[in-house]
Structures are given as C-alpha cells and as structure tokens.
Amino acid sequence: MDDSRPIFVQIAEQIENDIIDGAVAEDAAIPSINELAAFHRINPATALKGVNRLVEQGIVAKRRGVGMFVVPGARARLIERRRDEFAADYLRPLITEAAKLGIGIDELAGMLREERILS
C-alpha cells in the first residue's frame, strides 16, 4: 500500500481487481479481515472498513460463521462500473481536449492505434 488514497479504499480496490482478473471467483471466499490486516500490516478495523465498502456495494456478502464471499454477478457489475469511470475520467476529457486542438474522432482513433503499436 503506497498510494495517497486511504488504505481501506486500496484494500477494496485490490479485492475488486482480484475479482475482475478472476483470481477470486464468484461464490469464492475473500481473505478474512485478520488475513488482510496481517498481510498488509494494518489495523483489522481498517481492513474491515475496506471489506464493508464492498458489502455496501453488493460485491461481497457475509455468510454467518463462514466468512465473506463474492456474490454472483459481481464481476460483471465491477467491469461495468469501471468502464463508466474510465469514460468519465479519461475518455471525455480526452475527447474535449482533442476537439479544442481540432483533432477529429478519426484522427484521434488513429493516434490511439499508433500509440498502442508503439508501446
């Protein structure tokens, strides 16, 4: 954890990434609060806050006496949300700036293809 964002947010995003990448499948258990706290060397309350964030979003659910599990459909919901955030955070500002510079959509698409080839 080395980000400027709160650790509990980073914990939640790490679990989200594991779900999106398929490292944690739907209906599978996520690490326990104590495991997360020990691994990241953080207070268990901070780990709990990150997991509770996912519970509030309907990504994981508690099974009493067993642990926290990824709910069915969580991966698709996460991908949809992340796509929406990507459009808002990156695409819209990119298109706005391109328009200011007189760069049309076709030229912009060509620039993106060229960048992808070069990187």
PDB file of N, CA and C in Angstrom:
ATOM      1  N   MET A   1       0.850  -1.160   0.000  1.00  0.00           N
ATOM      2  CA  MET A   1       0.000   0.000   0.000  1.00  0.00           C
ATOM      3  C   MET A   1       0.906   1.237   0.000  1.00  0.00           C
ATOM      4  N   ASP A   2       0.901   1.936  -1.105  1.00  0.00           N
ATOM      5  CA  ASP A   2       1.783   3.091  -1.188  1.00  0.00           C
ATOM      6  C   ASP A   2       1.125   4.231  -1.960  1.00  0.00           C
ATOM      7  N   ASP A   3      -0.155   4.293  -1.876  1.00  0.00           N
ATOM      8  CA  ASP A   3      -0.953   5.252  -2.624  1.00  0.00           C
ATOM      9  C   ASP A   3      -1.332   6.408  -1.708  1.00  0.00           C
ATOM     10  N   SER A   4      -1.731   7.514  -2.286  1.00  0.00           N
ATOM     11  CA  SER A   4      -2.169   8.646  -1.468  1.00  0.00           C
ATOM     12  C   SER A   4      -3.617   8.476  -0.999  1.00  0.00           C
ATOM     13  N   ARG A   5      -4.319   7.495  -1.587  1.00  0.00           N
ATOM     14  CA  ARG A   5      -5.702   7.240  -1.173  1.00  0.00           C
ATOM     15  C   ARG A   5      -5.728   6.450   0.132  1.00  0.00           C
ATOM     16  N   PRO A   6      -6.814   6.550   0.882  1.00  0.00           N
ATOM     17  CA  PRO A   6      -6.901   5.811   2.144  1.00  0.00           C
ATOM     18  C   PRO A   6      -6.669   4.310   1.945  1.00  0.00           C
ATOM     19  N   ILE A   7      -6.055   3.683   2.928  1.00  0.00           N
ATOM     20  CA  ILE A   7      -5.715   2.265   2.832  1.00  0.00           C
ATOM     21  C   ILE A   7      -6.969   1.412   2.646  1.00  0.00           C
ATOM     22  N   PHE A   8      -8.069   1.754   3.317  1.00  0.00           N
ATOM     23  CA  PHE A   8      -9.270   0.937   3.185  1.00  0.00           C
ATOM     24  C   PHE A   8      -9.790   0.955   1.750  1.00  0.00           C
ATOM     25  N   VAL A   9      -9.618   2.075   1.047  1.00  0.00           N
ATOM     26  CA  VAL A   9     -10.015   2.160  -0.362  1.00  0.00           C
ATOM     27  C   VAL A   9      -9.108   1.258  -1.196  1.00  0.00           C
ATOM     28  N   GLN A  10      -7.822   1.269  -0.901  1.00  0.00           N
ATOM     29  CA  GLN A  10      -6.880   0.422  -1.627  1.00  0.00           C
ATOM     30  C   GLN A  10      -7.164  -1.057  -1.398  1.00  0.00           C
ATOM     31  N   ILE A  11      -7.552  -1.415  -0.183  1.00  0.00           N
ATOM     32  CA  ILE A  11      -7.907  -2.807   0.131  1.00  0.00           C
ATOM     33  C   ILE A  11      -9.107  -3.219  -0.720  1.00  0.00           C
ATOM     34  N   ALA A  12     -10.133  -2.385  -0.735  1.00  0.00           N
ATOM     35  CA  ALA A  12     -11.341  -2.689  -1.521  1.00  0.00           C
ATOM     36  C   ALA A  12     -10.991  -2.831  -3.001  1.00  0.00           C
ATOM     37  N   GLU A  13     -10.168  -1.927  -3.520  1.00  0.00           N
ATOM     38  CA  GLU A  13      -9.794  -1.979  -4.938  1.00  0.00           C
ATOM     39  C   GLU A  13      -8.948  -3.203  -5.262  1.00  0.00           C
ATOM     40  N   GLN A  14      -8.109  -3.612  -4.327  1.00  0.00           N
ATOM     41  CA  GLN A  14      -7.305  -4.813  -4.548  1.00  0.00           C
ATOM     42  C   GLN A  14      -8.216  -6.035  -4.683  1.00  0.00           C
ATOM     43  N   ILE A  15      -9.205  -6.122  -3.814  1.00  0.00           N
ATOM     44  CA  ILE A  15     -10.151  -7.247  -3.890  1.00  0.00           C
ATOM     45  C   ILE A  15     -10.952  -7.155  -5.180  1.00  0.00           C
ATOM     46  N   GLU A  16     -11.389  -5.939  -5.545  1.00  0.00           N
ATOM     47  CA  GLU A  16     -12.099  -5.754  -6.819  1.00  0.00           C
ATOM     48  C   GLU A  16     -11.239  -6.231  -7.981  1.00  0.00           C
ATOM     49  N   ASN A  17      -9.966  -5.842  -7.990  1.00  0.00           N
ATOM     50  CA  ASN A  17      -9.062  -6.259  -9.066  1.00  0.00           C
ATOM     51  C   ASN A  17      -8.934  -7.773  -9.128  1.00  0.00           C
ATOM     52  N   ASP A  18      -8.849  -8.408  -7.968  1.00  0.00           N
ATOM     53  CA  ASP A  18      -8.764  -9.871  -7.934  1.00  0.00           C
ATOM     54  C   ASP A  18     -10.024 -10.516  -8.502  1.00  0.00           C
ATOM     55  N   ILE A  19     -11.168  -9.901  -8.261  1.00  0.00           N
ATOM     56  CA  ILE A  19     -12.431 -10.419  -8.809  1.00  0.00           C
ATOM     57  C   ILE A  19     -12.456 -10.215 -10.318  1.00  0.00           C
ATOM     58  N   ILE A  20     -12.098  -9.022 -10.779  1.00  0.00           N
ATOM     59  CA  ILE A  20     -12.099  -8.727 -12.216  1.00  0.00           C
ATOM     60  C   ILE A  20     -11.122  -9.633 -12.955  1.00  0.00           C
ATOM     61  N   ASP A  21      -9.924  -9.836 -12.381  1.00  0.00           N
ATOM     62  CA  ASP A  21      -8.896 -10.660 -13.020  1.00  0.00           C
ATOM     63  C   ASP A  21      -9.196 -12.156 -12.953  1.00  0.00           C
ATOM     64  N   GLY A  22     -10.169 -12.534 -12.129  1.00  0.00           N
ATOM     65  CA  GLY A  22     -10.505 -13.944 -11.989  1.00  0.00           C
ATOM     66  C   GLY A  22      -9.693 -14.659 -10.922  1.00  0.00           C
ATOM     67  N   ALA A  23      -8.840 -13.931 -10.191  1.00  0.00           N
ATOM     68  CA  ALA A  23      -8.067 -14.549  -9.120  1.00  0.00           C
ATOM     69  C   ALA A  23      -8.985 -14.997  -7.976  1.00  0.00           C
ATOM     70  N   VAL A  24     -10.092 -14.289  -7.812  1.00  0.00           N
ATOM     71  CA  VAL A  24     -11.127 -14.677  -6.843  1.00  0.00           C
ATOM     72  C   VAL A  24     -12.428 -14.809  -7.622  1.00  0.00           C
ATOM     73  N   ALA A  25     -12.951 -16.006  -7.670  1.00  0.00           N
ATOM     74  CA  ALA A  25     -14.151 -16.290  -8.454  1.00  0.00           C
ATOM     75  C   ALA A  25     -15.415 -15.901  -7.687  1.00  0.00           C
ATOM     76  N   GLU A  26     -16.503 -15.770  -8.433  1.00  0.00           N
ATOM     77  CA  GLU A  26     -17.794 -15.540  -7.793  1.00  0.00           C
ATOM     78  C   GLU A  26     -18.126 -16.765  -6.946  1.00  0.00           C
ATOM     79  N   ASP A  27     -18.752 -16.525  -5.817  1.00  0.00           N
ATOM     80  CA  ASP A  27     -19.076 -17.545  -4.807  1.00  0.00           C
ATOM     81  C   ASP A  27     -17.856 -18.028  -4.025  1.00  0.00           C
ATOM     82  N   ALA A  28     -16.675 -17.486  -4.315  1.00  0.00           N
ATOM     83  CA  ALA A  28     -15.466 -17.863  -3.574  1.00  0.00           C
ATOM     84  C   ALA A  28     -15.280 -16.914  -2.389  1.00  0.00           C
ATOM     85  N   ALA A  29     -14.603 -17.411  -1.383  1.00  0.00           N
ATOM     86  CA  ALA A  29     -14.307 -16.604  -0.201  1.00  0.00           C
ATOM     87  C   ALA A  29     -13.195 -15.616  -0.508  1.00  0.00           C
ATOM     88  N   ILE A  30     -13.304 -14.435   0.073  1.00  0.00           N
ATOM     89  CA  ILE A  30     -12.199 -13.480   0.029  1.00  0.00           C
ATOM     90  C   ILE A  30     -11.382 -13.688   1.297  1.00  0.00           C
ATOM     91  N   PRO A  31     -10.154 -13.170   1.356  1.00  0.00           N
ATOM     92  CA  PRO A  31      -9.371 -13.320   2.591  1.00  0.00           C
ATOM     93  C   PRO A  31     -10.117 -12.725   3.790  1.00  0.00           C
ATOM     94  N   SER A  32      -9.883 -13.307   4.930  1.00  0.00           N
ATOM     95  CA  SER A  32     -10.529 -12.814   6.149  1.00  0.00           C
ATOM     96  C   SER A  32      -9.965 -11.445   6.525  1.00  0.00           C
ATOM     97  N   ILE A  33     -10.674 -10.769   7.393  1.00  0.00           N
ATOM     98  CA  ILE A  33     -10.227  -9.464   7.882  1.00  0.00           C
ATOM     99  C   ILE A  33      -8.854  -9.601   8.533  1.00  0.00           C
ATOM    100  N   ASN A  34      -8.673 -10.634   9.338  1.00  0.00           N
ATOM    101  CA  ASN A  34      -7.395 -10.838  10.014  1.00  0.00           C
ATOM    102  C   ASN A  34      -6.276 -11.153   9.024  1.00  0.00           C
ATOM    103  N   GLU A  35      -6.576 -11.914   7.991  1.00  0.00           N
ATOM    104  CA  GLU A  35      -5.576 -12.208   6.963  1.00  0.00           C
ATOM    105  C   GLU A  35      -5.170 -10.931   6.225  1.00  0.00           C
ATOM    106  N   LEU A  36      -6.158 -10.127   5.859  1.00  0.00           N
ATOM    107  CA  LEU A  36      -5.860  -8.863   5.177  1.00  0.00           C
ATOM    108  C   LEU A  36      -5.026  -7.948   6.067  1.00  0.00           C
ATOM    109  N   ALA A  37      -5.416  -7.869   7.338  1.00  0.00           N
ATOM    110  CA  ALA A  37      -4.701  -6.998   8.273  1.00  0.00           C
ATOM    111  C   ALA A  37      -3.258  -7.462   8.468  1.00  0.00           C
ATOM    112  N   ALA A  38      -3.065  -8.760   8.616  1.00  0.00           N
ATOM    113  CA  ALA A  38      -1.710  -9.287   8.815  1.00  0.00           C
ATOM    114  C   ALA A  38      -0.866  -9.110   7.556  1.00  0.00           C
ATOM    115  N   PHE A  39      -1.433  -9.409   6.397  1.00  0.00           N
ATOM    116  CA  PHE A  39      -0.685  -9.306   5.142  1.00  0.00           C
ATOM    117  C   PHE A  39      -0.226  -7.881   4.874  1.00  0.00           C
ATOM    118  N   HIS A  40      -1.134  -6.917   5.096  1.00  0.00           N
ATOM    119  CA  HIS A  40      -0.822  -5.512   4.806  1.00  0.00           C
ATOM    120  C   HIS A  40      -0.247  -4.767   6.013  1.00  0.00           C
ATOM    121  N   ARG A  41      -0.173  -5.459   7.145  1.00  0.00           N
ATOM    122  CA  ARG A  41       0.328  -4.861   8.382  1.00  0.00           C
ATOM    123  C   ARG A  41      -0.466  -3.605   8.736  1.00  0.00           C
ATOM    124  N   ILE A  42      -1.765  -3.797   8.790  1.00  0.00           N
ATOM    125  CA  ILE A  42      -2.667  -2.695   9.124  1.00  0.00           C
ATOM    126  C   ILE A  42      -3.592  -3.133  10.243  1.00  0.00           C
ATOM    127  N   ASN A  43      -4.290  -2.183  10.808  1.00  0.00           N
ATOM    128  CA  ASN A  43      -5.272  -2.453  11.846  1.00  0.00           C
ATOM    129  C   ASN A  43      -6.441  -3.229  11.231  1.00  0.00           C
ATOM    130  N   PRO A  44      -6.925  -4.271  11.915  1.00  0.00           N
ATOM    131  CA  PRO A  44      -8.071  -5.013  11.390  1.00  0.00           C
ATOM    132  C   PRO A  44      -9.292  -4.127  11.119  1.00  0.00           C
ATOM    133  N   ALA A  45      -9.462  -3.053  11.885  1.00  0.00           N
ATOM    134  CA  ALA A  45     -10.594  -2.152  11.654  1.00  0.00           C
ATOM    135  C   ALA A  45     -10.489  -1.492  10.279  1.00  0.00           C
ATOM    136  N   THR A  46      -9.268  -1.219   9.842  1.00  0.00           N
ATOM    137  CA  THR A  46      -9.064  -0.620   8.519  1.00  0.00           C
ATOM    138  C   THR A  46      -9.400  -1.632   7.432  1.00  0.00           C
ATOM    139  N   ALA A  47      -8.962  -2.874   7.602  1.00  0.00           N
ATOM    140  CA  ALA A  47      -9.291  -3.931   6.644  1.00  0.00           C
ATOM    141  C   ALA A  47     -10.803  -4.138   6.590  1.00  0.00           C
ATOM    142  N   LEU A  48     -11.442  -4.134   7.761  1.00  0.00           N
ATOM    143  CA  LEU A  48     -12.894  -4.300   7.827  1.00  0.00           C
ATOM    144  C   LEU A  48     -13.606  -3.176   7.076  1.00  0.00           C
ATOM    145  N   LYS A  49     -13.102  -1.962   7.217  1.00  0.00           N
ATOM    146  CA  LYS A  49     -13.709  -0.817   6.533  1.00  0.00           C
ATOM    147  C   LYS A  49     -13.647  -1.015   5.011  1.00  0.00           C
ATOM    148  N   GLY A  50     -12.533  -1.550   4.509  1.00  0.00           N
ATOM    149  CA  GLY A  50     -12.413  -1.821   3.077  1.00  0.00           C
ATOM    150  C   GLY A  50     -13.376  -2.896   2.616  1.00  0.00           C
ATOM    151  N   VAL A  51     -13.489  -3.949   3.385  1.00  0.00           N
ATOM    152  CA  VAL A  51     -14.402  -5.043   3.030  1.00  0.00           C
ATOM    153  C   VAL A  51     -15.849  -4.575   3.145  1.00  0.00           C
ATOM    154  N   ASN A  52     -16.155  -3.812   4.174  1.00  0.00           N
ATOM    155  CA  ASN A  52     -17.524  -3.298   4.323  1.00  0.00           C
ATOM    156  C   ASN A  52     -17.926  -2.421   3.147  1.00  0.00           C
ATOM    157  N   ARG A  53     -16.970  -1.731   2.571  1.00  0.00           N
ATOM    158  CA  ARG A  53     -17.236  -0.928   1.375  1.00  0.00           C
ATOM    159  C   ARG A  53     -17.758  -1.827   0.251  1.00  0.00           C
ATOM    160  N   LEU A  54     -17.166  -3.014   0.124  1.00  0.00           N
ATOM    161  CA  LEU A  54     -17.606  -3.965  -0.899  1.00  0.00           C
ATOM    162  C   LEU A  54     -18.956  -4.581  -0.551  1.00  0.00           C
ATOM    163  N   VAL A  55     -19.205  -4.759   0.732  1.00  0.00           N
ATOM    164  CA  VAL A  55     -20.507  -5.270   1.173  1.00  0.00           C
ATOM    165  C   VAL A  55     -21.593  -4.261   0.814  1.00  0.00           C
ATOM    166  N   GLU A  56     -21.332  -2.982   1.095  1.00  0.00           N
ATOM    167  CA  GLU A  56     -22.299  -1.920   0.790  1.00  0.00           C
ATOM    168  C   GLU A  56     -22.593  -1.826  -0.702  1.00  0.00           C
ATOM    169  N   GLN A  57     -21.601  -2.143  -1.528  1.00  0.00           N
ATOM    170  CA  GLN A  57     -21.772  -2.094  -2.981  1.00  0.00           C
ATOM    171  C   GLN A  57     -22.392  -3.381  -3.539  1.00  0.00           C
ATOM    172  N   GLY A  58     -22.606  -4.354  -2.674  1.00  0.00           N
ATOM    173  CA  GLY A  58     -23.195  -5.615  -3.126  1.00  0.00           C
ATOM    174  C   GLY A  58     -22.219  -6.502  -3.882  1.00  0.00           C
ATOM    175  N   ILE A  59     -20.930  -6.343  -3.630  1.00  0.00           N
ATOM    176  CA  ILE A  59     -19.900  -7.131  -4.303  1.00  0.00           C
ATOM    177  C   ILE A  59     -19.573  -8.393  -3.504  1.00  0.00           C
ATOM    178  N   VAL A  60     -19.534  -8.263  -2.199  1.00  0.00           N
ATOM    179  CA  VAL A  60     -19.334  -9.422  -1.326  1.00  0.00           C
ATOM    180  C   VAL A  60     -20.452  -9.456  -0.287  1.00  0.00           C
ATOM    181  N   ALA A  61     -20.680 -10.642   0.236  1.00  0.00           N
ATOM    182  CA  ALA A  61     -21.705 -10.816   1.264  1.00  0.00           C
ATOM    183  C   ALA A  61     -21.157 -11.737   2.345  1.00  0.00           C
ATOM    184  N   LYS A  62     -21.592 -11.498   3.558  1.00  0.00           N
ATOM    185  CA  LYS A  62     -21.153 -12.305   4.694  1.00  0.00           C
ATOM    186  C   LYS A  62     -22.022 -13.551   4.796  1.00  0.00           C
ATOM    187  N   ARG A  63     -21.373 -14.671   4.975  1.00  0.00           N
ATOM    188  CA  ARG A  63     -22.070 -15.922   5.298  1.00  0.00           C
ATOM    189  C   ARG A  63     -21.733 -16.209   6.748  1.00  0.00           C
ATOM    190  N   ARG A  64     -22.745 -16.076   7.561  1.00  0.00           N
ATOM    191  CA  ARG A  64     -22.572 -16.152   9.010  1.00  0.00           C
ATOM    192  C   ARG A  64     -21.763 -17.383   9.420  1.00  0.00           C
ATOM    193  N   GLY A  65     -20.701 -17.130  10.160  1.00  0.00           N
ATOM    194  CA  GLY A  65     -19.868 -18.196  10.682  1.00  0.00           C
ATOM    195  C   GLY A  65     -18.901 -18.796   9.673  1.00  0.00           C
ATOM    196  N   VAL A  66     -18.954 -18.338   8.418  1.00  0.00           N
ATOM    197  CA  VAL A  66     -18.108 -18.921   7.380  1.00  0.00           C
ATOM    198  C   VAL A  66     -17.122 -17.913   6.818  1.00  0.00           C
ATOM    199  N   GLY A  67     -17.583 -16.680   6.556  1.00  0.00           N
ATOM    200  CA  GLY A  67     -16.710 -15.654   6.004  1.00  0.00           C
ATOM    201  C   GLY A  67     -17.421 -14.791   4.986  1.00  0.00           C
ATOM    202  N   MET A  68     -16.627 -14.067   4.228  1.00  0.00           N
ATOM    203  CA  MET A  68     -17.140 -13.173   3.188  1.00  0.00           C
ATOM    204  C   MET A  68     -16.933 -13.831   1.829  1.00  0.00           C
ATOM    205  N   PHE A  69     -17.954 -13.759   0.996  1.00  0.00           N
ATOM    206  CA  PHE A  69     -17.910 -14.405  -0.311  1.00  0.00           C
ATOM    207  C   PHE A  69     -18.325 -13.433  -1.407  1.00  0.00           C
ATOM    208  N   VAL A  70     -17.732 -13.610  -2.582  1.00  0.00           N
ATOM    209  CA  VAL A  70     -18.072 -12.799  -3.746  1.00  0.00           C
ATOM    210  C   VAL A  70     -19.466 -13.218  -4.218  1.00  0.00           C
ATOM    211  N   VAL A  71     -20.335 -12.255  -4.436  1.00  0.00           N
ATOM    212  CA  VAL A  71     -21.705 -12.560  -4.857  1.00  0.00           C
ATOM    213  C   VAL A  71     -21.747 -12.832  -6.367  1.00  0.00           C
ATOM    214  N   PRO A  72     -22.680 -13.660  -6.801  1.00  0.00           N
ATOM    215  CA  PRO A  72     -22.837 -13.895  -8.239  1.00  0.00           C
ATOM    216  C   PRO A  72     -23.138 -12.578  -8.968  1.00  0.00           C
ATOM    217  N   GLY A  73     -22.522 -12.384 -10.116  1.00  0.00           N
ATOM    218  CA  GLY A  73     -22.726 -11.176 -10.903  1.00  0.00           C
ATOM    219  C   GLY A  73     -21.813 -10.025 -10.521  1.00  0.00           C
ATOM    220  N   ALA A  74     -20.998 -10.209  -9.487  1.00  0.00           N
ATOM    221  CA  ALA A  74     -20.137  -9.126  -9.004  1.00  0.00           C
ATOM    222  C   ALA A  74     -19.121  -8.696 -10.064  1.00  0.00           C
ATOM    223  N   ARG A  75     -18.532  -9.657 -10.753  1.00  0.00           N
ATOM    224  CA  ARG A  75     -17.510  -9.322 -11.750  1.00  0.00           C
ATOM    225  C   ARG A  75     -18.086  -8.440 -12.851  1.00  0.00           C
ATOM    226  N   ALA A  76     -19.244  -8.802 -13.362  1.00  0.00           N
ATOM    227  CA  ALA A  76     -19.876  -8.010 -14.431  1.00  0.00           C
ATOM    228  C   ALA A  76     -20.214  -6.609 -13.941  1.00  0.00           C
ATOM    229  N   ARG A  77     -20.709  -6.488 -12.712  1.00  0.00           N
ATOM    230  CA  ARG A  77     -21.034  -5.167 -12.164  1.00  0.00           C
ATOM    231  C   ARG A  77     -19.787  -4.321 -11.980  1.00  0.00           C
ATOM    232  N   LEU A  78     -18.709  -4.951 -11.522  1.00  0.00           N
ATOM    233  CA  LEU A  78     -17.455  -4.214 -11.339  1.00  0.00           C
ATOM    234  C   LEU A  78     -16.917  -3.718 -12.679  1.00  0.00           C
ATOM    235  N   ILE A  79     -16.949  -4.576 -13.681  1.00  0.00           N
ATOM    236  CA  ILE A  79     -16.450  -4.178 -15.000  1.00  0.00           C
ATOM    237  C   ILE A  79     -17.291  -3.042 -15.555  1.00  0.00           C
ATOM    238  N   GLU A  80     -18.597  -3.130 -15.425  1.00  0.00           N
ATOM    239  CA  GLU A  80     -19.469  -2.063 -15.911  1.00  0.00           C
ATOM    240  C   GLU A  80     -19.171  -0.736 -15.199  1.00  0.00           C
ATOM    241  N   ARG A  81     -19.035  -0.790 -13.880  1.00  0.00           N
ATOM    242  CA  ARG A  81     -18.730   0.425 -13.127  1.00  0.00           C
ATOM    243  C   ARG A  81     -17.378   1.006 -13.525  1.00  0.00           C
ATOM    244  N   ARG A  82     -16.375   0.146 -13.671  1.00  0.00           N
ATOM    245  CA  ARG A  82     -15.040   0.607 -14.040  1.00  0.00           C
ATOM    246  C   ARG A  82     -15.022   1.194 -15.456  1.00  0.00           C
ATOM    247  N   ARG A  83     -15.809   0.628 -16.359  1.00  0.00           N
ATOM    248  CA  ARG A  83     -15.899   1.176 -17.719  1.00  0.00           C
ATOM    249  C   ARG A  83     -16.507   2.577 -17.691  1.00  0.00           C
ATOM    250  N   ASP A  84     -17.559   2.733 -16.894  1.00  0.00           N
ATOM    251  CA  ASP A  84     -18.189   4.050 -16.749  1.00  0.00           C
ATOM    252  C   ASP A  84     -17.204   5.059 -16.169  1.00  0.00           C
ATOM    253  N   GLU A  85     -16.451   4.647 -15.155  1.00  0.00           N
ATOM    254  CA  GLU A  85     -15.450   5.529 -14.550  1.00  0.00           C
ATOM    255  C   GLU A  85     -14.347   5.867 -15.545  1.00  0.00           C
ATOM    256  N   PHE A  86     -13.948   4.889 -16.354  1.00  0.00           N
ATOM    257  CA  PHE A  86     -12.918   5.111 -17.363  1.00  0.00           C
ATOM    258  C   PHE A  86     -13.373   6.161 -18.376  1.00  0.00           C
ATOM    259  N   ALA A  87     -14.614   6.037 -18.812  1.00  0.00           N
ATOM    260  CA  ALA A  87     -15.153   7.016 -19.769  1.00  0.00           C
ATOM    261  C   ALA A  87     -15.174   8.415 -19.151  1.00  0.00           C
ATOM    262  N   ALA A  88     -15.633   8.514 -17.922  1.00  0.00           N
ATOM    263  CA  ALA A  88     -15.726   9.824 -17.267  1.00  0.00           C
ATOM    264  C   ALA A  88     -14.354  10.420 -16.961  1.00  0.00           C
ATOM    265  N   ASP A  89     -13.425   9.583 -16.512  1.00  0.00           N
ATOM    266  CA  ASP A  89     -12.124  10.082 -16.070  1.00  0.00           C
ATOM    267  C   ASP A  89     -11.135  10.304 -17.208  1.00  0.00           C
ATOM    268  N   TYR A  90     -11.251   9.513 -18.272  1.00  0.00           N
ATOM    269  CA  TYR A  90     -10.237   9.567 -19.326  1.00  0.00           C
ATOM    270  C   TYR A  90     -10.789   9.926 -20.706  1.00  0.00           C
ATOM    271  N   LEU A  91     -11.842   9.225 -21.133  1.00  0.00           N
ATOM    272  CA  LEU A  91     -12.328   9.441 -22.498  1.00  0.00           C
ATOM    273  C   LEU A  91     -12.936  10.819 -22.712  1.00  0.00           C
ATOM    274  N   ARG A  92     -13.829  11.228 -21.841  1.00  0.00           N
ATOM    275  CA  ARG A  92     -14.473  12.535 -22.023  1.00  0.00           C
ATOM    276  C   ARG A  92     -13.461  13.676 -22.003  1.00  0.00           C
ATOM    277  N   PRO A  93     -12.529  13.703 -21.043  1.00  0.00           N
ATOM    278  CA  PRO A  93     -11.514  14.764 -21.086  1.00  0.00           C
ATOM    279  C   PRO A  93     -10.631  14.676 -22.338  1.00  0.00           C
ATOM    280  N   LEU A  94     -10.317  13.485 -22.785  1.00  0.00           N
ATOM    281  CA  LEU A  94      -9.515  13.304 -23.994  1.00  0.00           C
ATOM    282  C   LEU A  94     -10.237  13.857 -25.212  1.00  0.00           C
ATOM    283  N   ILE A  95     -11.496  13.517 -25.346  1.00  0.00           N
ATOM    284  CA  ILE A  95     -12.291  13.994 -26.483  1.00  0.00           C
ATOM    285  C   ILE A  95     -12.445  15.518 -26.433  1.00  0.00           C
ATOM    286  N   THR A  96     -12.653  16.054 -25.248  1.00  0.00           N
ATOM    287  CA  THR A  96     -12.781  17.504 -25.092  1.00  0.00           C
ATOM    288  C   THR A  96     -11.492  18.212 -25.507  1.00  0.00           C
ATOM    289  N   GLU A  97     -10.365  17.711 -25.044  1.00  0.00           N
ATOM    290  CA  GLU A  97      -9.077  18.323 -25.388  1.00  0.00           C
ATOM    291  C   GLU A  97      -8.782  18.158 -26.877  1.00  0.00           C
ATOM    292  N   ALA A  98      -9.094  17.004 -27.432  1.00  0.00           N
ATOM    293  CA  ALA A  98      -8.874  16.781 -28.864  1.00  0.00           C
ATOM    294  C   ALA A  98      -9.687  17.778 -29.684  1.00  0.00           C
ATOM    295  N   ALA A  99     -10.933  18.017 -29.287  1.00  0.00           N
ATOM    296  CA  ALA A  99     -11.784  18.974 -30.003  1.00  0.00           C
ATOM    297  C   ALA A  99     -11.184  20.376 -29.947  1.00  0.00           C
ATOM    298  N   LYS A 100     -10.630  20.761 -28.786  1.00  0.00           N
ATOM    299  CA  LYS A 100     -10.001  22.077 -28.655  1.00  0.00           C
ATOM    300  C   LYS A 100      -8.833  22.227 -29.630  1.00  0.00           C
ATOM    301  N   LEU A 101      -8.157  21.113 -29.894  1.00  0.00           N
ATOM    302  CA  LEU A 101      -6.987  21.123 -30.763  1.00  0.00           C
ATOM    303  C   LEU A 101      -7.322  20.846 -32.224  1.00  0.00           C
ATOM    304  N   GLY A 102      -8.604  20.681 -32.499  1.00  0.00           N
ATOM    305  CA  GLY A 102      -9.026  20.421 -33.868  1.00  0.00           C
ATOM    306  C   GLY A 102      -8.755  19.002 -34.322  1.00  0.00           C
ATOM    307  N   ILE A 103      -8.646  18.092 -33.393  1.00  0.00           N
ATOM    308  CA  ILE A 103      -8.413  16.688 -33.718  1.00  0.00           C
ATOM    309  C   ILE A 103      -9.773  15.985 -33.766  1.00  0.00           C
ATOM    310  N   GLY A 104     -10.116  15.474 -34.933  1.00  0.00           N
ATOM    311  CA  GLY A 104     -11.388  14.768 -35.095  1.00  0.00           C
ATOM    312  C   GLY A 104     -11.302  13.353 -34.531  1.00  0.00           C
ATOM    313  N   ILE A 105     -12.457  12.727 -34.439  1.00  0.00           N
ATOM    314  CA  ILE A 105     -12.544  11.379 -33.871  1.00  0.00           C
ATOM    315  C   ILE A 105     -11.703  10.381 -34.667  1.00  0.00           C
ATOM    316  N   ASP A 106     -11.762  10.462 -36.003  1.00  0.00           N
ATOM    317  CA  ASP A 106     -10.980   9.522 -36.820  1.00  0.00           C
ATOM    318  C   ASP A 106      -9.486   9.709 -36.593  1.00  0.00           C
ATOM    319  N   GLU A 107      -9.048  10.963 -36.534  1.00  0.00           N
ATOM    320  CA  GLU A 107      -7.627  11.224 -36.295  1.00  0.00           C
ATOM    321  C   GLU A 107      -7.234  10.762 -34.896  1.00  0.00           C
ATOM    322  N   LEU A 108      -8.099  11.007 -33.939  1.00  0.00           N
ATOM    323  CA  LEU A 108      -7.844  10.578 -32.568  1.00  0.00           C
ATOM    324  C   LEU A 108      -7.736   9.057 -32.492  1.00  0.00           C
ATOM    325  N   ALA A 109      -8.632   8.371 -33.175  1.00  0.00           N
ATOM    326  CA  ALA A 109      -8.588   6.905 -33.199  1.00  0.00           C
ATOM    327  C   ALA A 109      -7.270   6.426 -33.806  1.00  0.00           C
ATOM    328  N   GLY A 110      -6.828   7.095 -34.875  1.00  0.00           N
ATOM    329  CA  GLY A 110      -5.551   6.755 -35.480  1.00  0.00           C
ATOM    330  C   GLY A 110      -4.390   6.971 -34.529  1.00  0.00           C
ATOM    331  N   MET A 111      -4.439   8.061 -33.786  1.00  0.00           N
ATOM    332  CA  MET A 111      -3.391   8.339 -32.801  1.00  0.00           C
ATOM    333  C   MET A 111      -3.360   7.256 -31.719  1.00  0.00           C
ATOM    334  N   LEU A 112      -4.540   6.829 -31.282  1.00  0.00           N
ATOM    335  CA  LEU A 112      -4.612   5.779 -30.266  1.00  0.00           C
ATOM    336  C   LEU A 112      -4.049   4.461 -30.801  1.00  0.00           C
ATOM    337  N   ARG A 113      -4.398   4.129 -32.043  1.00  0.00           N
ATOM    338  CA  ARG A 113      -3.863   2.904 -32.643  1.00  0.00           C
ATOM    339  C   ARG A 113      -2.342   2.980 -32.740  1.00  0.00           C
ATOM    340  N   GLU A 114      -1.826   4.120 -33.165  1.00  0.00           N
ATOM    341  CA  GLU A 114      -0.391   4.304 -33.296  1.00  0.00           C
ATOM    342  C   GLU A 114       0.303   4.179 -31.941  1.00  0.00           C
ATOM    343  N   GLU A 115      -0.252   4.775 -30.912  1.00  0.00           N
ATOM    344  CA  GLU A 115       0.310   4.684 -29.559  1.00  0.00           C
ATOM    345  C   GLU A 115       0.359   3.234 -29.107  1.00  0.00           C
ATOM    346  N   ARG A 116      -0.709   2.519 -29.394  1.00  0.00           N
ATOM    347  CA  ARG A 116      -0.783   1.111 -28.966  1.00  0.00           C
ATOM    348  C   ARG A 116       0.288   0.295 -29.670  1.00  0.00           C
ATOM    349  N   ILE A 117       0.531   0.588 -30.916  1.00  0.00           N
ATOM    350  CA  ILE A 117       1.551  -0.125 -31.678  1.00  0.00           C
ATOM    351  C   ILE A 117       2.939   0.181 -31.124  1.00  0.00           C
ATOM    352  N   LEU A 118       3.164   1.435 -30.755  1.00  0.00           N
ATOM    353  CA  LEU A 118       4.487   1.860 -30.292  1.00  0.00           C
ATOM    354  C   LEU A 118       4.794   1.398 -28.871  1.00  0.00           C
ATOM    355  N   SER A 119       3.771   1.164 -28.069  1.00  0.00           N
ATOM    356  CA  SER A 119       4.062   0.818 -26.659  1.00  0.00           C
ATOM    357  C   SER A 119       4.147  -0.656 -26.423  1.00  0.00           C
TER     358      SER A 119
END
